[in-house]
C-alpha cells in the first residue's frame, strides 16, 4: 500500500476544530476516492501538533486523490494550521497484532538513509525489528514507510493505550540502537501522539 501524511502545527487551543473537520468532512472526502484504504488522525494537544495519515491501494490512487484533498485541506484545518507539510511514502511493512483504540498512543521515528540501502533497511526491519516490537505489551500495529528516492522514512508503532507506549520507551530505544548499528540509518526525529482514530483495510 501507499500512504500520504500531513503534519500540521498550530495553536493548541484550536486543534479540536481541525480534528472535528478531519473526522467529518475529511473522512467523507477520502471515502469517496477510489483506492482508499483507511486513515488515522493523531495529535499532541499540548504542543499543537497533528499528524494525519491516509492509506491507498496504489500509488496512482493516492496521486489521483491529491487534487481534491489539496483544495479542501486549508478550509478543514483553519484556524488551527500554522504550518503544513505533506509527504508521500510506500508502506513497505504494515503488521497488525491488535486493534487500535481512540486514546491509544503512536510513536513515530523519522529516519534518513542512503536510497541504495532501502532494500536492506526493509529486510532488516522485517527480520530483526518487527519480532522485537511484537514482544512489547500493548502493541497494536507496526509499520515502515519509505520514500526510496529521497532516502527518508518513518517507523510507526501504535499502542492500544498510552501507558503501554510509555512502558515501551526503553525497549524501543534499544531496538533503534541495534538497527542503526546494522544498517546505515540516521534517526532524525522521535515523536509521540495520542490516537484520535486509526483504521486501515489492507488490500
N, C-alpha and C. Protein backbone atom coordinates (compact mmCIF):
# COMPACT_ATOMS: atom_id res chain seq x y z
N UNK A 1 0.83 -1.19 0.00
CA UNK A 1 0.00 0.00 0.00
C UNK A 1 0.87 1.25 0.00
N UNK A 2 0.21 2.38 -0.17
CA UNK A 2 0.90 3.67 -0.22
C UNK A 2 0.20 4.63 0.73
N UNK A 3 0.96 5.57 1.28
CA UNK A 3 0.38 6.48 2.27
C UNK A 3 0.75 7.92 1.95
N UNK A 4 -0.13 8.81 2.39
CA UNK A 4 0.16 10.24 2.38
C UNK A 4 0.02 10.72 3.82
N UNK A 5 0.99 11.49 4.27
CA UNK A 5 0.91 12.04 5.62
C UNK A 5 0.82 13.56 5.54
N UNK A 6 0.07 14.13 6.47
CA UNK A 6 0.06 15.58 6.65
C UNK A 6 0.52 15.85 8.08
N UNK A 7 1.43 16.79 8.22
CA UNK A 7 1.99 17.13 9.53
C UNK A 7 1.71 18.61 9.75
N UNK A 8 0.87 18.89 10.75
CA UNK A 8 0.35 20.23 10.93
C UNK A 8 0.70 20.72 12.33
N UNK A 9 1.17 21.96 12.42
CA UNK A 9 1.39 22.58 13.73
C UNK A 9 0.60 23.87 13.80
N UNK A 10 0.20 24.22 15.02
CA UNK A 10 -0.57 25.44 15.18
C UNK A 10 -0.88 25.72 16.63
N UNK A 11 -1.88 26.55 16.84
CA UNK A 11 -2.30 26.98 18.17
C UNK A 11 -2.97 25.79 18.87
N UNK A 12 -2.41 25.33 20.00
CA UNK A 12 -3.02 24.18 20.70
C UNK A 12 -4.48 24.40 21.05
N UNK A 13 -4.87 25.63 21.30
CA UNK A 13 -6.26 25.89 21.69
C UNK A 13 -7.24 25.70 20.53
N UNK A 14 -6.72 25.64 19.31
CA UNK A 14 -7.57 25.49 18.13
C UNK A 14 -7.52 24.10 17.52
N UNK A 15 -6.79 23.19 18.12
CA UNK A 15 -6.56 21.90 17.47
C UNK A 15 -7.84 21.08 17.33
N UNK A 16 -8.78 21.23 18.26
CA UNK A 16 -10.00 20.44 18.19
C UNK A 16 -10.85 20.79 16.97
N UNK A 17 -10.75 22.03 16.51
CA UNK A 17 -11.51 22.40 15.30
C UNK A 17 -11.01 21.60 14.10
N UNK A 18 -9.69 21.43 14.01
CA UNK A 18 -9.12 20.65 12.91
C UNK A 18 -9.47 19.17 13.05
N UNK A 19 -9.43 18.65 14.26
CA UNK A 19 -9.77 17.24 14.49
C UNK A 19 -11.21 16.97 14.07
N UNK A 20 -12.13 17.84 14.47
CA UNK A 20 -13.54 17.64 14.11
C UNK A 20 -13.73 17.68 12.60
N UNK A 21 -13.05 18.61 11.92
CA UNK A 21 -13.21 18.73 10.46
C UNK A 21 -12.64 17.51 9.74
N UNK A 22 -11.49 17.03 10.18
CA UNK A 22 -10.89 15.85 9.54
C UNK A 22 -11.73 14.61 9.78
N UNK A 23 -12.35 14.50 10.94
CA UNK A 23 -13.15 13.33 11.26
C UNK A 23 -14.53 13.34 10.62
N UNK A 24 -14.93 14.47 10.08
CA UNK A 24 -16.24 14.56 9.42
C UNK A 24 -16.06 14.79 7.93
N UNK A 25 -15.85 16.05 7.53
CA UNK A 25 -15.69 16.37 6.11
C UNK A 25 -14.50 15.65 5.50
N UNK A 26 -13.39 15.61 6.22
CA UNK A 26 -12.20 14.96 5.68
C UNK A 26 -12.40 13.49 5.42
N UNK A 27 -13.02 12.80 6.36
CA UNK A 27 -13.24 11.36 6.18
C UNK A 27 -14.21 11.10 5.04
N UNK A 28 -15.24 11.92 4.92
CA UNK A 28 -16.20 11.74 3.83
C UNK A 28 -15.51 11.91 2.47
N UNK A 29 -14.65 12.92 2.35
CA UNK A 29 -13.95 13.14 1.08
C UNK A 29 -13.05 11.96 0.75
N UNK A 30 -12.35 11.45 1.73
CA UNK A 30 -11.45 10.32 1.50
C UNK A 30 -12.22 9.08 1.07
N UNK A 31 -13.32 8.81 1.73
CA UNK A 31 -14.08 7.60 1.43
C UNK A 31 -14.68 7.61 0.04
N UNK A 32 -14.82 8.80 -0.54
CA UNK A 32 -15.35 8.89 -1.90
C UNK A 32 -14.29 8.60 -2.96
N UNK A 33 -13.04 8.59 -2.59
CA UNK A 33 -11.95 8.44 -3.55
C UNK A 33 -11.67 6.96 -3.83
N UNK A 34 -11.53 6.58 -5.11
CA UNK A 34 -11.19 5.19 -5.45
C UNK A 34 -9.83 4.80 -4.87
N UNK A 35 -9.75 3.58 -4.39
CA UNK A 35 -8.49 3.07 -3.87
C UNK A 35 -8.20 3.42 -2.43
N UNK A 36 -9.12 4.10 -1.76
CA UNK A 36 -8.92 4.49 -0.36
C UNK A 36 -8.97 3.27 0.55
N UNK A 37 -8.02 3.18 1.49
CA UNK A 37 -7.93 2.02 2.38
C UNK A 37 -7.97 2.36 3.86
N UNK A 38 -8.21 3.60 4.21
CA UNK A 38 -8.30 3.94 5.61
C UNK A 38 -7.48 5.17 5.95
N UNK A 39 -7.60 5.61 7.20
CA UNK A 39 -6.91 6.83 7.61
C UNK A 39 -6.73 6.83 9.12
N UNK A 40 -5.88 7.71 9.58
CA UNK A 40 -5.67 7.90 11.00
C UNK A 40 -5.43 9.36 11.30
N UNK A 41 -5.84 9.79 12.48
CA UNK A 41 -5.58 11.13 12.97
C UNK A 41 -4.94 11.00 14.35
N UNK A 42 -3.82 11.69 14.54
CA UNK A 42 -3.03 11.58 15.77
C UNK A 42 -2.64 12.99 16.21
N UNK A 43 -2.68 13.24 17.52
CA UNK A 43 -2.47 14.61 17.98
C UNK A 43 -1.54 14.67 19.18
N UNK A 44 -0.88 15.81 19.29
CA UNK A 44 -0.20 16.23 20.50
C UNK A 44 -0.89 17.54 20.89
N UNK A 45 -1.86 17.44 21.79
CA UNK A 45 -2.66 18.61 22.13
C UNK A 45 -1.86 19.66 22.90
N UNK A 46 -0.89 19.22 23.66
CA UNK A 46 -0.13 20.16 24.49
C UNK A 46 0.72 21.09 23.63
N UNK A 47 1.40 20.53 22.63
CA UNK A 47 2.27 21.35 21.78
C UNK A 47 1.54 21.92 20.57
N UNK A 48 0.41 21.32 20.18
CA UNK A 48 -0.29 21.77 19.00
C UNK A 48 0.24 21.14 17.73
N UNK A 49 0.26 19.80 17.70
CA UNK A 49 0.72 19.06 16.52
C UNK A 49 -0.34 18.05 16.13
N UNK A 50 -0.51 17.89 14.83
CA UNK A 50 -1.47 16.93 14.29
C UNK A 50 -0.82 16.17 13.15
N UNK A 51 -0.94 14.86 13.19
CA UNK A 51 -0.46 14.01 12.11
C UNK A 51 -1.65 13.27 11.52
N UNK A 52 -1.85 13.43 10.22
CA UNK A 52 -2.90 12.70 9.51
C UNK A 52 -2.26 11.75 8.52
N UNK A 53 -2.79 10.54 8.45
CA UNK A 53 -2.26 9.52 7.54
C UNK A 53 -3.42 8.93 6.75
N UNK A 54 -3.31 8.89 5.43
CA UNK A 54 -4.31 8.21 4.60
C UNK A 54 -3.62 7.10 3.82
N UNK A 55 -4.34 5.99 3.66
CA UNK A 55 -3.80 4.77 3.05
C UNK A 55 -4.48 4.51 1.71
N UNK A 56 -3.67 4.05 0.72
CA UNK A 56 -4.18 3.86 -0.63
C UNK A 56 -3.66 2.54 -1.20
N UNK A 57 -4.48 1.92 -2.06
CA UNK A 57 -4.08 0.60 -2.56
C UNK A 57 -3.08 0.68 -3.71
N UNK A 58 -2.83 1.88 -4.23
CA UNK A 58 -1.84 2.04 -5.28
C UNK A 58 -1.30 3.46 -5.26
N UNK A 59 -0.15 3.63 -5.87
CA UNK A 59 0.43 4.97 -5.99
C UNK A 59 -0.46 5.86 -6.84
N UNK A 60 -1.09 5.27 -7.87
CA UNK A 60 -1.98 6.03 -8.74
C UNK A 60 -3.20 6.54 -7.98
N UNK A 61 -3.78 5.69 -7.13
CA UNK A 61 -4.96 6.11 -6.36
C UNK A 61 -4.60 7.26 -5.42
N UNK A 62 -3.45 7.15 -4.80
CA UNK A 62 -3.02 8.25 -3.92
C UNK A 62 -2.85 9.53 -4.72
N UNK A 63 -2.18 9.44 -5.86
CA UNK A 63 -1.95 10.62 -6.69
C UNK A 63 -3.27 11.24 -7.17
N UNK A 64 -4.22 10.38 -7.56
CA UNK A 64 -5.48 10.90 -8.07
C UNK A 64 -6.31 11.61 -7.01
N UNK A 65 -6.05 11.30 -5.76
CA UNK A 65 -6.79 11.96 -4.67
C UNK A 65 -6.18 13.30 -4.28
N UNK A 66 -4.98 13.58 -4.76
CA UNK A 66 -4.24 14.75 -4.30
C UNK A 66 -4.96 16.06 -4.57
N UNK A 67 -5.50 16.20 -5.79
CA UNK A 67 -6.09 17.49 -6.18
C UNK A 67 -7.27 17.86 -5.30
N UNK A 68 -8.16 16.89 -5.05
CA UNK A 68 -9.34 17.16 -4.24
C UNK A 68 -8.93 17.50 -2.81
N UNK A 69 -8.01 16.74 -2.26
CA UNK A 69 -7.61 16.96 -0.87
C UNK A 69 -6.86 18.29 -0.72
N UNK A 70 -6.03 18.64 -1.70
CA UNK A 70 -5.33 19.94 -1.64
C UNK A 70 -6.32 21.09 -1.64
N UNK A 71 -7.39 20.95 -2.39
CA UNK A 71 -8.39 22.01 -2.49
C UNK A 71 -9.12 22.22 -1.17
N UNK A 72 -9.45 21.14 -0.48
CA UNK A 72 -10.28 21.23 0.71
C UNK A 72 -9.48 21.33 2.01
N UNK A 73 -8.22 20.94 1.98
CA UNK A 73 -7.44 20.85 3.21
C UNK A 73 -7.32 22.18 3.95
N UNK A 74 -7.01 23.30 3.27
CA UNK A 74 -6.87 24.57 4.02
C UNK A 74 -8.10 24.94 4.82
N UNK A 75 -9.28 24.76 4.22
CA UNK A 75 -10.50 25.10 4.92
C UNK A 75 -10.75 24.21 6.13
N UNK A 76 -10.44 22.90 5.99
CA UNK A 76 -10.65 21.98 7.09
C UNK A 76 -9.72 22.27 8.26
N UNK A 77 -8.52 22.71 7.98
CA UNK A 77 -7.53 22.91 9.02
C UNK A 77 -7.57 24.30 9.63
N UNK A 78 -8.30 25.23 9.02
CA UNK A 78 -8.44 26.58 9.56
C UNK A 78 -9.36 26.56 10.77
N UNK A 79 -9.07 27.28 11.87
CA UNK A 79 -7.99 28.25 12.05
C UNK A 79 -6.75 27.67 12.74
N UNK A 80 -6.71 26.35 12.89
CA UNK A 80 -5.61 25.75 13.65
C UNK A 80 -4.25 25.87 12.95
N UNK A 81 -4.20 25.52 11.67
CA UNK A 81 -2.93 25.30 11.00
C UNK A 81 -2.08 26.55 10.89
N UNK A 82 -0.85 26.46 11.39
CA UNK A 82 0.14 27.50 11.17
C UNK A 82 1.16 27.04 10.14
N UNK A 83 1.51 25.75 10.18
CA UNK A 83 2.40 25.16 9.18
C UNK A 83 1.81 23.83 8.74
N UNK A 84 2.11 23.45 7.51
CA UNK A 84 1.59 22.20 6.95
C UNK A 84 2.65 21.59 6.04
N UNK A 85 2.96 20.32 6.27
CA UNK A 85 3.89 19.59 5.41
C UNK A 85 3.21 18.30 4.96
N UNK A 86 3.32 18.00 3.68
CA UNK A 86 2.73 16.79 3.10
C UNK A 86 3.84 15.91 2.56
N UNK A 87 3.79 14.62 2.90
CA UNK A 87 4.79 13.67 2.41
C UNK A 87 4.09 12.42 1.89
N UNK A 88 4.73 11.76 0.93
CA UNK A 88 4.22 10.53 0.35
C UNK A 88 5.23 9.40 0.56
N UNK A 89 4.71 8.23 0.94
CA UNK A 89 5.55 7.08 1.21
C UNK A 89 4.93 5.80 0.65
N UNK A 90 5.77 4.80 0.51
CA UNK A 90 5.30 3.43 0.30
C UNK A 90 5.25 2.74 1.66
N UNK A 91 4.14 2.08 1.95
CA UNK A 91 4.04 1.30 3.18
C UNK A 91 4.71 -0.05 2.93
N UNK A 92 6.01 -0.08 3.15
CA UNK A 92 6.80 -1.28 2.86
C UNK A 92 6.42 -2.42 3.81
N UNK A 93 6.14 -2.07 5.06
CA UNK A 93 5.71 -3.07 6.07
C UNK A 93 4.50 -2.50 6.81
N UNK A 94 3.45 -3.31 6.93
CA UNK A 94 2.34 -2.99 7.82
C UNK A 94 1.94 -4.27 8.51
N UNK A 95 2.03 -4.29 9.83
CA UNK A 95 1.80 -5.52 10.59
C UNK A 95 0.87 -5.21 11.76
N UNK A 96 -0.26 -5.89 11.79
CA UNK A 96 -1.25 -5.68 12.85
C UNK A 96 -1.24 -6.87 13.80
N UNK A 97 -1.14 -6.57 15.09
CA UNK A 97 -1.21 -7.61 16.11
C UNK A 97 -2.36 -7.36 17.09
N UNK A 98 -2.98 -6.21 17.00
CA UNK A 98 -4.09 -5.85 17.87
C UNK A 98 -4.96 -4.83 17.19
N UNK A 99 -5.92 -4.30 17.93
CA UNK A 99 -6.87 -3.33 17.37
C UNK A 99 -6.57 -1.95 17.95
N UNK A 100 -6.26 -0.96 17.10
CA UNK A 100 -6.02 0.41 17.60
C UNK A 100 -7.27 0.95 18.29
N UNK A 101 -7.05 1.77 19.29
CA UNK A 101 -8.16 2.35 20.04
C UNK A 101 -7.97 3.86 20.17
N UNK A 102 -9.07 4.58 20.16
CA UNK A 102 -9.01 6.01 20.48
C UNK A 102 -8.44 6.17 21.88
N UNK A 103 -7.53 7.11 22.03
CA UNK A 103 -6.87 7.31 23.30
C UNK A 103 -5.58 6.54 23.44
N UNK A 104 -5.29 5.68 22.48
CA UNK A 104 -4.02 4.95 22.48
C UNK A 104 -2.87 5.86 22.11
N UNK A 105 -1.71 5.27 21.86
CA UNK A 105 -0.53 6.07 21.57
C UNK A 105 0.17 5.64 20.30
N UNK A 106 0.77 6.60 19.62
CA UNK A 106 1.57 6.35 18.43
C UNK A 106 2.95 6.96 18.62
N UNK A 107 3.97 6.15 18.42
CA UNK A 107 5.35 6.65 18.42
C UNK A 107 5.86 6.62 16.98
N UNK A 108 6.36 7.74 16.51
CA UNK A 108 6.89 7.87 15.16
C UNK A 108 8.39 8.16 15.24
N UNK A 109 9.16 7.33 14.57
CA UNK A 109 10.60 7.55 14.45
C UNK A 109 10.89 7.95 13.01
N UNK A 110 11.43 9.13 12.82
CA UNK A 110 11.74 9.62 11.47
C UNK A 110 13.20 9.31 11.16
N UNK A 111 13.43 8.79 9.96
CA UNK A 111 14.77 8.31 9.61
C UNK A 111 15.20 8.83 8.24
N UNK A 112 16.50 8.87 8.05
CA UNK A 112 17.11 9.14 6.75
C UNK A 112 18.13 8.04 6.46
N UNK A 113 18.27 7.71 5.18
CA UNK A 113 19.16 6.62 4.80
C UNK A 113 19.60 6.82 3.36
N UNK A 114 20.66 6.13 2.99
CA UNK A 114 21.10 6.14 1.59
C UNK A 114 20.06 5.38 0.77
N UNK A 115 19.50 6.00 -0.28
CA UNK A 115 18.50 5.30 -1.08
C UNK A 115 18.95 3.92 -1.56
N UNK A 116 20.25 3.74 -1.75
CA UNK A 116 20.74 2.43 -2.18
C UNK A 116 20.55 1.37 -1.11
N UNK A 117 20.33 1.81 0.14
CA UNK A 117 20.17 0.87 1.25
C UNK A 117 18.71 0.60 1.59
N UNK A 118 17.78 1.05 0.77
CA UNK A 118 16.36 0.90 1.09
C UNK A 118 15.97 -0.56 1.26
N UNK A 119 16.46 -1.40 0.39
CA UNK A 119 16.05 -2.81 0.46
C UNK A 119 16.58 -3.48 1.71
N UNK A 120 17.86 -3.26 2.03
CA UNK A 120 18.43 -3.90 3.22
C UNK A 120 17.78 -3.35 4.49
N UNK A 121 17.39 -2.07 4.47
CA UNK A 121 16.69 -1.49 5.61
C UNK A 121 15.35 -2.20 5.80
N UNK A 122 14.60 -2.37 4.72
CA UNK A 122 13.30 -3.04 4.81
C UNK A 122 13.45 -4.48 5.27
N UNK A 123 14.44 -5.19 4.72
CA UNK A 123 14.65 -6.59 5.11
C UNK A 123 15.03 -6.70 6.58
N UNK A 124 15.88 -5.77 7.05
CA UNK A 124 16.29 -5.78 8.45
C UNK A 124 15.11 -5.47 9.36
N UNK A 125 14.25 -4.57 8.93
CA UNK A 125 13.07 -4.26 9.73
C UNK A 125 12.19 -5.49 9.88
N UNK A 126 11.96 -6.20 8.78
CA UNK A 126 11.10 -7.38 8.84
C UNK A 126 11.71 -8.48 9.71
N UNK A 127 13.00 -8.73 9.55
CA UNK A 127 13.62 -9.88 10.21
C UNK A 127 14.08 -9.61 11.63
N UNK A 128 14.50 -8.38 11.93
CA UNK A 128 15.11 -8.10 13.23
C UNK A 128 14.32 -7.14 14.09
N UNK A 129 13.65 -6.17 13.48
CA UNK A 129 12.95 -5.16 14.26
C UNK A 129 11.54 -5.62 14.63
N UNK A 130 10.79 -6.08 13.64
CA UNK A 130 9.39 -6.45 13.87
C UNK A 130 9.22 -7.49 14.98
N UNK A 131 10.03 -8.56 15.02
CA UNK A 131 9.85 -9.53 16.11
C UNK A 131 10.03 -8.92 17.49
N UNK A 132 10.91 -7.95 17.63
CA UNK A 132 11.11 -7.32 18.94
C UNK A 132 9.98 -6.36 19.28
N UNK A 133 9.43 -5.68 18.27
CA UNK A 133 8.27 -4.83 18.52
C UNK A 133 7.07 -5.67 18.96
N UNK A 134 6.91 -6.85 18.36
CA UNK A 134 5.78 -7.71 18.69
C UNK A 134 5.78 -8.13 20.16
N UNK A 135 6.94 -8.14 20.77
CA UNK A 135 7.05 -8.55 22.17
C UNK A 135 6.60 -7.46 23.14
N UNK A 136 6.42 -6.25 22.66
CA UNK A 136 6.07 -5.13 23.53
C UNK A 136 4.60 -5.17 23.89
N UNK A 137 4.32 -5.09 25.17
CA UNK A 137 2.95 -5.15 25.65
C UNK A 137 2.12 -4.01 25.08
N UNK A 138 0.94 -4.35 24.59
CA UNK A 138 0.02 -3.33 24.11
C UNK A 138 0.22 -2.90 22.67
N UNK A 139 1.18 -3.50 21.96
CA UNK A 139 1.38 -3.11 20.55
C UNK A 139 0.15 -3.48 19.73
N UNK A 140 -0.34 -2.54 18.94
CA UNK A 140 -1.47 -2.81 18.06
C UNK A 140 -1.01 -3.00 16.62
N UNK A 141 -0.21 -2.05 16.11
CA UNK A 141 0.31 -2.17 14.75
C UNK A 141 1.73 -1.61 14.70
N UNK A 142 2.46 -2.08 13.73
CA UNK A 142 3.80 -1.55 13.46
C UNK A 142 3.96 -1.41 11.96
N UNK A 143 4.64 -0.36 11.54
CA UNK A 143 4.79 -0.15 10.11
C UNK A 143 6.07 0.57 9.76
N UNK A 144 6.48 0.39 8.52
CA UNK A 144 7.65 1.07 7.97
C UNK A 144 7.23 1.73 6.68
N UNK A 145 7.35 3.06 6.64
CA UNK A 145 7.05 3.86 5.45
C UNK A 145 8.36 4.35 4.86
N UNK A 146 8.54 4.19 3.55
CA UNK A 146 9.77 4.63 2.92
C UNK A 146 9.49 5.47 1.68
N UNK A 147 10.30 6.50 1.50
CA UNK A 147 10.43 7.19 0.22
C UNK A 147 11.79 6.77 -0.31
N UNK A 148 11.79 5.80 -1.18
CA UNK A 148 13.04 5.18 -1.63
C UNK A 148 13.92 6.16 -2.41
N UNK A 149 13.30 7.09 -3.13
CA UNK A 149 14.08 8.03 -3.93
C UNK A 149 14.76 9.09 -3.07
N UNK A 150 14.06 9.61 -2.09
CA UNK A 150 14.61 10.67 -1.24
C UNK A 150 15.44 10.13 -0.09
N UNK A 151 15.27 8.86 0.23
CA UNK A 151 16.00 8.30 1.36
C UNK A 151 15.47 8.77 2.69
N UNK A 152 14.14 8.87 2.80
CA UNK A 152 13.51 9.26 4.06
C UNK A 152 12.44 8.23 4.42
N UNK A 153 12.11 8.17 5.69
CA UNK A 153 11.10 7.21 6.10
C UNK A 153 10.61 7.45 7.50
N UNK A 154 9.62 6.65 7.87
CA UNK A 154 9.04 6.71 9.21
C UNK A 154 8.78 5.30 9.69
N UNK A 155 9.09 5.06 10.95
CA UNK A 155 8.71 3.84 11.63
C UNK A 155 7.60 4.20 12.60
N UNK A 156 6.47 3.51 12.49
CA UNK A 156 5.35 3.79 13.37
C UNK A 156 5.05 2.60 14.25
N UNK A 157 4.91 2.83 15.55
CA UNK A 157 4.49 1.80 16.49
C UNK A 157 3.27 2.33 17.24
N UNK A 158 2.14 1.68 17.03
CA UNK A 158 0.88 2.15 17.58
C UNK A 158 0.47 1.22 18.72
N UNK A 159 0.18 1.80 19.87
CA UNK A 159 -0.15 1.03 21.07
C UNK A 159 -1.60 1.24 21.46
N UNK A 160 -2.17 0.23 22.10
CA UNK A 160 -3.59 0.29 22.46
C UNK A 160 -3.87 1.30 23.55
N UNK A 161 -2.86 1.67 24.34
CA UNK A 161 -3.05 2.64 25.40
C UNK A 161 -1.75 3.39 25.63
N UNK A 162 -1.86 4.58 26.22
CA UNK A 162 -0.70 5.44 26.42
C UNK A 162 0.28 4.85 27.43
N UNK A 163 -0.22 4.12 28.43
CA UNK A 163 0.66 3.52 29.44
C UNK A 163 1.58 2.49 28.80
N UNK A 164 1.06 1.68 27.89
CA UNK A 164 1.89 0.68 27.20
C UNK A 164 2.95 1.36 26.35
N UNK A 165 2.57 2.47 25.68
CA UNK A 165 3.55 3.19 24.88
C UNK A 165 4.67 3.72 25.77
N UNK A 166 4.32 4.30 26.91
CA UNK A 166 5.33 4.83 27.81
C UNK A 166 6.24 3.72 28.32
N UNK A 167 5.67 2.57 28.63
CA UNK A 167 6.45 1.45 29.18
C UNK A 167 7.41 0.87 28.14
N UNK A 168 7.14 1.11 26.86
CA UNK A 168 7.97 0.53 25.79
C UNK A 168 9.16 1.40 25.40
N UNK A 169 9.30 2.56 26.00
CA UNK A 169 10.31 3.52 25.53
C UNK A 169 11.72 2.96 25.60
N UNK A 170 12.08 2.34 26.70
CA UNK A 170 13.44 1.82 26.83
C UNK A 170 13.69 0.69 25.83
N UNK A 171 12.71 -0.20 25.68
CA UNK A 171 12.88 -1.33 24.77
C UNK A 171 13.00 -0.85 23.32
N UNK A 172 12.20 0.13 22.94
CA UNK A 172 12.29 0.60 21.56
C UNK A 172 13.56 1.41 21.34
N UNK A 173 14.06 2.08 22.38
CA UNK A 173 15.35 2.77 22.25
C UNK A 173 16.46 1.76 21.95
N UNK A 174 16.41 0.59 22.59
CA UNK A 174 17.40 -0.45 22.32
C UNK A 174 17.28 -0.96 20.89
N UNK A 175 16.06 -1.07 20.41
CA UNK A 175 15.85 -1.52 19.02
C UNK A 175 16.43 -0.51 18.04
N UNK A 176 16.21 0.78 18.30
CA UNK A 176 16.77 1.81 17.41
C UNK A 176 18.29 1.74 17.39
N UNK A 177 18.88 1.57 18.56
CA UNK A 177 20.34 1.49 18.65
C UNK A 177 20.87 0.31 17.85
N UNK A 178 20.27 -0.84 18.03
CA UNK A 178 20.75 -2.05 17.35
C UNK A 178 20.54 -1.97 15.84
N UNK A 179 19.42 -1.37 15.42
CA UNK A 179 19.14 -1.26 13.99
C UNK A 179 20.14 -0.31 13.33
N UNK A 180 20.43 0.81 13.98
CA UNK A 180 21.40 1.77 13.43
C UNK A 180 22.77 1.14 13.30
N UNK A 181 23.08 0.18 14.18
CA UNK A 181 24.37 -0.49 14.10
C UNK A 181 24.45 -1.47 12.94
N UNK A 182 23.29 -1.99 12.53
CA UNK A 182 23.26 -2.98 11.44
C UNK A 182 23.10 -2.32 10.07
N UNK A 183 22.34 -1.24 10.03
CA UNK A 183 22.01 -0.58 8.77
C UNK A 183 22.38 0.89 8.89
N UNK A 184 22.83 1.48 7.79
CA UNK A 184 23.20 2.91 7.82
C UNK A 184 21.94 3.77 7.80
N UNK A 185 21.36 3.94 8.98
CA UNK A 185 20.13 4.72 9.14
C UNK A 185 20.37 5.78 10.19
N UNK A 186 19.99 7.01 9.88
CA UNK A 186 20.08 8.11 10.84
C UNK A 186 18.69 8.42 11.37
N UNK A 187 18.54 8.42 12.68
CA UNK A 187 17.28 8.83 13.30
C UNK A 187 17.29 10.36 13.41
N UNK A 188 16.33 11.01 12.78
CA UNK A 188 16.30 12.47 12.74
C UNK A 188 15.10 13.05 13.47
N UNK A 189 14.27 12.19 14.03
CA UNK A 189 13.13 12.70 14.78
C UNK A 189 12.44 11.59 15.54
N UNK A 190 11.91 11.93 16.69
CA UNK A 190 11.19 10.96 17.53
C UNK A 190 10.03 11.70 18.19
N UNK A 191 8.80 11.23 17.95
CA UNK A 191 7.62 11.91 18.46
C UNK A 191 6.59 10.92 18.95
N UNK A 192 5.73 11.38 19.85
CA UNK A 192 4.62 10.57 20.34
C UNK A 192 3.32 11.35 20.21
N UNK A 193 2.25 10.63 19.88
CA UNK A 193 0.95 11.24 19.66
C UNK A 193 -0.14 10.43 20.35
N UNK A 194 -1.24 11.07 20.61
CA UNK A 194 -2.45 10.38 21.05
C UNK A 194 -3.25 9.96 19.82
N UNK A 195 -3.82 8.78 19.87
CA UNK A 195 -4.65 8.29 18.76
C UNK A 195 -6.05 8.88 18.88
N UNK A 196 -6.47 9.61 17.86
CA UNK A 196 -7.86 10.06 17.78
C UNK A 196 -8.69 8.98 17.10
N UNK A 197 -8.22 8.53 15.94
CA UNK A 197 -8.79 7.33 15.33
C UNK A 197 -7.79 6.75 14.36
N UNK A 198 -7.91 5.47 14.10
CA UNK A 198 -6.99 4.79 13.18
C UNK A 198 -7.71 3.58 12.61
N UNK A 199 -7.86 3.53 11.31
CA UNK A 199 -8.44 2.36 10.67
C UNK A 199 -7.76 2.14 9.33
N UNK A 200 -7.35 0.92 9.10
CA UNK A 200 -6.71 0.53 7.85
C UNK A 200 -7.32 -0.77 7.37
N UNK A 201 -7.62 -0.84 6.10
CA UNK A 201 -8.16 -2.06 5.50
C UNK A 201 -7.14 -2.55 4.48
N UNK A 202 -6.22 -3.42 4.91
CA UNK A 202 -5.17 -3.90 3.99
C UNK A 202 -5.78 -4.54 2.75
N UNK A 203 -5.14 -4.29 1.60
CA UNK A 203 -5.65 -4.85 0.35
C UNK A 203 -5.24 -6.30 0.17
